[in-house]
């Protein structure tokens, strides 16, 4: 067979016509490979140096404010929590019992049928003739309402008393009893954690009795008599905390004004020490004055001395 000869010019012309197609294919292939290998574009916001400086300054200001006023950052939270944690009203009764021992002396004037005598008896004298006694106080509180009572009852005796001559007796048995009961209703005027103040009004009831038996009783002169009266009294009480354990109590009242006695008043100062949530010990001084007189009886005395006691909170 005869061979067809192609001129070099024709070959070159055909290669030049195919060059643009080859370049386009190569370019598209490289773009596809680059798209597969390149990572996804970063969509995070661009933070400039100025924004970073402002954020850092804001954090410094917040730290300084919390250092100077630690509660400022929690005002909303603390106010909402304090509102939710507000204590509920207490509608329960609170009862306390306070037995005590009062060691008083007595001085003044007493008498009957216009025959008056001066009386001076120390605490030791009364103790030497002590026979029986009950002393104590109790209080019930409901919110601001207060109910309290105080009892002092003693019996004294002397079975070796020497009677006046000419009565036909060698000895006499003397029995003397005194009962003082004070009952009050009051209100709490100030009720703070470290200070409390109360006002009250009530009645103090007095009973004085005596019995004399002669031995032997040849003339039948044995006798028994008593006097009873009540006095309207108005008073108050304050309690102040000296420390988490120690406290001081001041109390007093005044009355009489002709309702029973001409004048009847008392005051007391007590120092307390808290042993537990229920028990407290107390010690102090109590002073009681009364001036009671009728056409046939006179009792004008001061009874005063140290007092020791304990208070138990029942609930």
Protein backbone atom coordinates (compact mmCIF):
# COMPACT_ATOMS: atom_id res chain seq x y z
CA UNK A 1 0.00 0.00 0.00
CA UNK A 2 1.14 3.45 -0.65
CA UNK A 3 1.61 5.66 2.47
CA UNK A 4 -0.17 9.03 2.75
CA UNK A 5 2.15 11.73 3.73
CA UNK A 6 0.93 14.53 6.12
CA UNK A 7 2.79 17.67 6.12
CA UNK A 8 4.24 19.01 9.40
CA UNK A 9 2.32 22.24 9.06
CA UNK A 10 -1.00 20.43 9.22
CA UNK A 11 0.03 18.55 12.41
CA UNK A 12 1.09 21.68 14.17
CA UNK A 13 -2.18 23.42 13.21
CA UNK A 14 -4.27 20.57 14.68
CA UNK A 15 -2.33 20.50 17.95
CA UNK A 16 -2.82 24.24 18.39
CA UNK A 17 -6.57 23.84 17.89
CA UNK A 18 -6.75 21.24 20.71
CA UNK A 19 -4.68 23.24 23.23
CA UNK A 20 -7.55 25.40 24.63
CA UNK A 21 -9.68 22.31 25.24
CA UNK A 22 -6.88 20.55 27.12
CA UNK A 23 -6.14 23.64 29.26
CA UNK A 24 -9.85 23.95 30.22
CA UNK A 25 -10.02 20.30 31.27
CA UNK A 26 -6.86 20.54 33.35
CA UNK A 27 -8.13 23.73 35.08
CA UNK A 28 -11.52 22.19 35.96
CA UNK A 29 -9.83 19.07 37.36
CA UNK A 30 -7.55 21.04 39.61
CA UNK A 31 -10.45 23.18 40.93
CA UNK A 32 -12.44 20.07 41.83
CA UNK A 33 -9.48 18.55 43.69
CA UNK A 34 -8.91 21.81 45.58
CA UNK A 35 -12.56 22.00 46.63
CA UNK A 36 -12.45 18.45 48.03
CA UNK A 37 -9.24 19.01 50.01
CA UNK A 38 -9.88 22.53 51.38
CA UNK A 39 -11.57 22.77 54.91
CA UNK A 40 -14.98 24.40 55.46
CA UNK A 41 -14.82 28.15 55.78
CA UNK A 42 -14.65 29.54 59.38
CA UNK A 43 -18.01 31.14 60.20
CA UNK A 44 -16.96 32.48 63.61
CA UNK A 45 -17.28 36.25 64.00
CA UNK A 46 -14.14 38.17 63.56
CA UNK A 47 -13.03 39.74 66.86
CA UNK A 48 -10.96 42.79 66.41
CA UNK A 49 -8.32 43.95 68.87
CA UNK A 50 -10.55 46.83 69.99
CA UNK A 51 -13.38 44.45 70.89
CA UNK A 52 -11.01 42.24 72.89
CA UNK A 53 -9.70 45.27 74.79
CA UNK A 54 -13.22 46.40 75.70
CA UNK A 55 -14.19 42.91 76.92
CA UNK A 56 -11.09 42.69 79.11
CA UNK A 57 -11.80 46.14 80.64
CA UNK A 58 -15.40 45.10 81.41
CA UNK A 59 -14.19 41.96 83.22
CA UNK A 60 -11.75 44.03 85.31
CA UNK A 61 -14.53 46.48 86.31
CA UNK A 62 -16.83 43.60 87.29
CA UNK A 63 -14.13 42.01 89.44
CA UNK A 64 -13.44 45.32 91.22
CA UNK A 65 -17.16 45.89 91.89
CA UNK A 66 -17.56 42.41 93.39
CA UNK A 67 -14.49 42.97 95.59
CA UNK A 68 -15.79 46.29 96.94
CA UNK A 69 -19.41 45.17 97.33
CA UNK A 70 -19.73 41.37 97.40
CA UNK A 71 -23.52 41.56 97.74
CA UNK A 72 -24.10 43.77 94.68
CA UNK A 73 -23.89 40.89 92.27
CA UNK A 74 -26.48 38.91 94.20
CA UNK A 75 -29.05 41.57 95.03
CA UNK A 76 -31.76 40.10 92.86
CA UNK A 77 -31.03 36.56 93.96
CA UNK A 78 -30.79 37.50 97.67
CA UNK A 79 -33.98 39.56 97.57
CA UNK A 80 -35.92 36.76 95.95
CA UNK A 81 -34.48 34.17 98.34
CA UNK A 82 -35.17 36.38 101.39
CA UNK A 83 -38.73 36.81 100.22
CA UNK A 84 -39.16 33.08 99.82
CA UNK A 85 -37.45 32.37 103.17
CA UNK A 86 -39.42 34.92 105.28
CA UNK A 87 -40.44 33.30 108.60
CA UNK A 88 -44.05 32.29 108.90
CA UNK A 89 -46.15 33.85 111.69
CA UNK A 90 -45.91 31.97 114.99
CA UNK A 91 -49.38 31.11 116.30
CA UNK A 92 -48.19 28.72 119.03
CA UNK A 93 -48.33 29.25 122.79
CA UNK A 94 -44.95 29.49 124.55
CA UNK A 95 -44.97 28.52 128.23
CA UNK A 96 -42.17 28.91 130.79
CA UNK A 97 -41.96 27.94 134.47
CA UNK A 98 -39.60 29.67 136.92
CA UNK A 99 -39.19 28.19 140.42
CA UNK A 100 -37.13 30.43 142.68
CA UNK A 101 -35.90 30.94 146.22
CA UNK A 102 -36.23 34.38 147.78
CA UNK A 103 -34.29 35.03 150.98
CA UNK A 104 -35.73 38.31 152.28
CA UNK A 105 -35.55 40.22 155.48
CA UNK A 106 -38.54 42.16 156.82
CA UNK A 107 -38.67 45.49 158.59
CA UNK A 108 -41.45 47.96 159.24
CA UNK A 109 -44.43 48.46 161.52
CA UNK A 110 -47.33 46.14 162.19
CA UNK A 111 -50.10 46.10 164.77
CA UNK A 112 -53.74 45.58 165.65
CA UNK A 113 -56.30 47.48 167.68
CA UNK A 114 -54.10 50.56 167.85
CA UNK A 115 -51.18 48.62 169.33
CA UNK A 116 -48.28 48.93 166.90
CA UNK A 117 -44.85 47.31 167.11
CA UNK A 118 -41.68 47.72 165.11
CA UNK A 119 -40.52 44.65 163.22
CA UNK A 120 -36.92 43.91 162.24
CA UNK A 121 -36.17 40.38 161.08
CA UNK A 122 -33.19 39.40 158.96
CA UNK A 123 -33.19 36.66 156.35
CA UNK A 124 -31.44 34.42 158.87
CA UNK A 125 -34.15 35.06 161.47
CA UNK A 126 -36.88 34.09 159.04
CA UNK A 127 -35.00 30.99 157.90
CA UNK A 128 -34.60 29.84 161.49
CA UNK A 129 -38.40 29.84 161.84
CA UNK A 130 -39.16 28.62 158.33
CA UNK A 131 -41.65 25.73 158.18
CA UNK A 132 -42.90 25.51 154.61
CA UNK A 133 -43.02 27.53 151.43
CA UNK A 134 -43.74 27.59 147.72
CA UNK A 135 -42.16 30.17 145.44
CA UNK A 136 -42.36 30.36 141.69
CA UNK A 137 -43.59 32.12 138.59
CA UNK A 138 -45.08 31.06 135.26
CA UNK A 139 -45.69 32.81 131.96
CA UNK A 140 -47.62 32.02 128.77
CA UNK A 141 -47.09 34.01 125.56
CA UNK A 142 -49.07 33.99 122.32
CA UNK A 143 -47.61 36.37 119.76
CA UNK A 144 -47.70 39.74 121.62
CA UNK A 145 -50.09 38.64 124.39
CA UNK A 146 -48.58 37.80 127.79
CA UNK A 147 -50.13 36.05 130.79
CA UNK A 148 -48.04 35.62 133.93
CA UNK A 149 -48.38 34.79 137.58
CA UNK A 150 -46.11 34.89 140.63
CA UNK A 151 -46.61 33.01 143.91
CA UNK A 152 -44.82 33.58 147.22
CA UNK A 153 -46.16 31.55 150.13
CA UNK A 154 -44.32 30.90 153.39
CA UNK A 155 -45.24 29.60 156.82
CA UNK A 156 -43.21 30.53 159.87
CA UNK A 157 -43.47 28.97 163.30
CA UNK A 158 -42.10 29.09 166.83
CA UNK A 159 -43.24 26.54 169.40
CA UNK A 160 -41.10 28.05 172.16
CA UNK A 161 -42.42 31.59 172.20
CA UNK A 162 -42.53 33.18 175.62
CA UNK A 163 -45.92 34.73 176.43
CA UNK A 164 -46.49 37.82 178.54
CA UNK A 165 -46.58 37.16 182.29
CA UNK A 166 -49.94 36.84 183.97
CA UNK A 167 -51.53 34.80 181.18
CA UNK A 168 -51.18 31.52 183.03
CA UNK A 169 -49.04 29.95 180.29
CA UNK A 170 -45.42 28.90 180.23
CA UNK A 171 -45.01 28.86 176.46
CA UNK A 172 -46.86 29.64 173.27
CA UNK A 173 -47.00 28.07 169.81
CA UNK A 174 -47.00 30.78 167.16
CA UNK A 175 -47.83 30.16 163.49
CA UNK A 176 -47.62 32.95 160.91
CA UNK A 177 -48.39 32.58 157.22
CA UNK A 178 -48.01 34.99 154.32
CA UNK A 179 -49.27 34.44 150.78
CA UNK A 180 -48.67 36.88 147.93
CA UNK A 181 -50.14 36.04 144.53
CA UNK A 182 -49.70 38.37 141.56
CA UNK A 183 -51.54 37.75 138.29
CA UNK A 184 -51.09 39.99 135.24
CA UNK A 185 -51.99 40.32 131.58
CA UNK A 186 -49.67 42.24 129.31
CA UNK A 187 -48.47 43.02 125.82
CA UNK A 188 -45.03 42.90 124.23
CA UNK A 189 -44.30 46.43 123.04
CA UNK A 190 -40.85 45.74 121.59
CA UNK A 191 -39.67 42.35 120.40
CA UNK A 192 -36.11 42.47 119.07
CA UNK A 193 -33.50 39.76 119.12
CA UNK A 194 -31.41 41.53 121.78
CA UNK A 195 -34.02 43.68 123.53
CA UNK A 196 -37.62 43.11 124.62
CA UNK A 197 -40.03 45.39 126.48
CA UNK A 198 -43.41 44.50 128.02
CA UNK A 199 -46.23 46.40 129.71
CA UNK A 200 -48.71 44.72 132.05
CA UNK A 201 -51.60 45.25 134.44
CA UNK A 202 -52.98 42.95 137.09
CA UNK A 203 -53.88 42.27 140.71
CA UNK A 204 -51.72 41.38 143.72
CA UNK A 205 -53.57 39.38 146.35
CA UNK A 206 -52.36 39.34 149.95
CA UNK A 207 -53.16 36.94 152.77
CA UNK A 208 -51.73 37.34 156.27
CA UNK A 209 -52.68 34.81 158.89
CA UNK A 210 -51.58 34.04 162.41
CA UNK A 211 -52.47 31.48 165.03
CA UNK A 212 -51.41 31.49 168.71
CA UNK A 213 -51.86 28.55 171.06
CA UNK A 214 -50.87 28.91 174.70
CA UNK A 215 -49.54 26.03 176.73
CA UNK A 216 -51.31 25.56 179.03
CA UNK A 217 -54.31 27.62 177.95
CA UNK A 218 -55.92 28.24 181.31
CA UNK A 219 -57.68 31.44 180.35
CA UNK A 220 -58.75 30.34 176.87
CA UNK A 221 -56.81 33.06 175.14
CA UNK A 222 -55.94 31.05 172.03
CA UNK A 223 -56.83 32.97 168.90
CA UNK A 224 -56.57 32.93 165.13
CA UNK A 225 -56.93 35.85 162.77
CA UNK A 226 -56.22 36.80 159.15
CA UNK A 227 -56.33 39.74 156.78
CA UNK A 228 -56.98 39.55 153.03
CA UNK A 229 -56.93 42.24 150.36
CA UNK A 230 -56.08 42.83 146.71
CA UNK A 231 -54.27 45.67 144.98
CA UNK A 232 -54.49 46.80 141.38
CA UNK A 233 -50.94 47.08 139.97
CA UNK A 234 -49.49 48.41 136.72
CA UNK A 235 -45.95 47.62 135.65
CA UNK A 236 -43.51 46.56 133.01
CA UNK A 237 -40.43 44.51 132.20
CA UNK A 238 -37.38 44.83 129.99
CA UNK A 239 -34.95 42.14 128.90
CA UNK A 240 -31.59 42.88 127.29
CA UNK A 241 -28.97 40.47 125.96
CA UNK A 242 -25.46 41.11 127.25
CA UNK A 243 -23.95 38.27 125.22
CA UNK A 244 -25.19 35.13 123.45
CA UNK A 245 -25.44 33.48 126.90
CA UNK A 246 -25.95 36.30 129.43
CA UNK A 247 -28.91 38.66 129.85
CA UNK A 248 -30.33 41.17 132.32
CA UNK A 249 -33.98 41.63 133.31
CA UNK A 250 -35.50 44.68 135.00
CA UNK A 251 -39.10 44.50 136.23
CA UNK A 252 -41.42 46.37 138.53
CA UNK A 253 -44.96 47.47 139.27
CA UNK A 254 -46.85 49.90 141.44
CA UNK A 255 -50.41 49.99 142.70
CA UNK A 256 -52.72 50.06 145.67
CA UNK A 257 -54.02 53.63 145.60
CA UNK A 258 -56.80 52.72 148.02
CA UNK A 259 -58.08 49.67 146.13
CA UNK A 260 -56.68 47.61 148.98
CA UNK A 261 -53.48 49.06 150.35
CA UNK A 262 -52.59 52.72 150.32
CA UNK A 263 -49.43 51.88 148.37
CA UNK A 264 -48.01 48.64 147.00
CA UNK A 265 -44.95 48.41 144.75
CA UNK A 266 -42.01 46.17 143.90
CA UNK A 267 -38.96 46.04 141.65
CA UNK A 268 -36.36 43.41 140.84
CA UNK A 269 -33.12 43.06 138.91
CA UNK A 270 -32.08 39.65 137.58
CA UNK A 271 -28.97 38.42 135.81
CA UNK A 272 -29.53 35.35 133.66
CA UNK A 273 -27.24 32.75 132.12
CA UNK A 274 -28.52 30.48 129.36
CA UNK A 275 -27.53 26.85 129.88
CA UNK A 276 -29.42 25.45 126.88
CA UNK A 277 -32.32 26.22 124.59
CA UNK A 278 -34.72 25.38 127.46
CA UNK A 279 -32.88 26.13 130.74
CA UNK A 280 -31.68 29.44 132.16
CA UNK A 281 -30.27 30.27 135.61
CA UNK A 282 -31.05 33.62 137.26
CA UNK A 283 -29.91 35.55 140.32
CA UNK A 284 -30.68 39.02 141.57
CA UNK A 285 -32.41 41.25 144.10
CA UNK A 286 -36.11 41.85 144.86
CA UNK A 287 -37.72 44.66 146.85
CA UNK A 288 -41.40 44.70 147.91
CA UNK A 289 -43.18 47.45 149.87
CA UNK A 290 -46.77 47.53 151.11
CA UNK A 291 -48.71 49.96 153.29
CA UNK A 292 -52.04 48.43 154.30
CA UNK A 293 -54.09 49.82 157.14
CA UNK A 294 -57.63 49.65 158.41
CA UNK A 295 -59.31 50.80 161.62
CA UNK A 296 -58.17 47.60 163.36
CA UNK A 297 -55.05 46.47 161.47
CA UNK A 298 -51.75 47.93 160.27
CA UNK A 299 -49.16 46.33 158.01
CA UNK A 300 -46.47 48.69 156.73
CA UNK A 301 -43.39 46.66 155.81
CA UNK A 302 -40.52 46.24 153.37
CA UNK A 303 -39.59 42.73 152.30
CA UNK A 304 -36.31 42.60 150.39
CA UNK A 305 -33.40 40.30 149.70
CA UNK A 306 -31.50 38.21 147.19
CA UNK A 307 -33.28 35.81 144.89
CA UNK A 308 -32.10 32.73 142.97
CA UNK A 309 -34.05 30.79 140.40
CA UNK A 310 -34.19 28.89 137.15
CA UNK A 311 -36.44 29.15 134.11
CA UNK A 312 -37.58 26.19 132.04
CA UNK A 313 -39.20 26.78 128.66
CA UNK A 314 -41.92 24.19 128.44
CA UNK A 315 -42.43 24.83 124.71
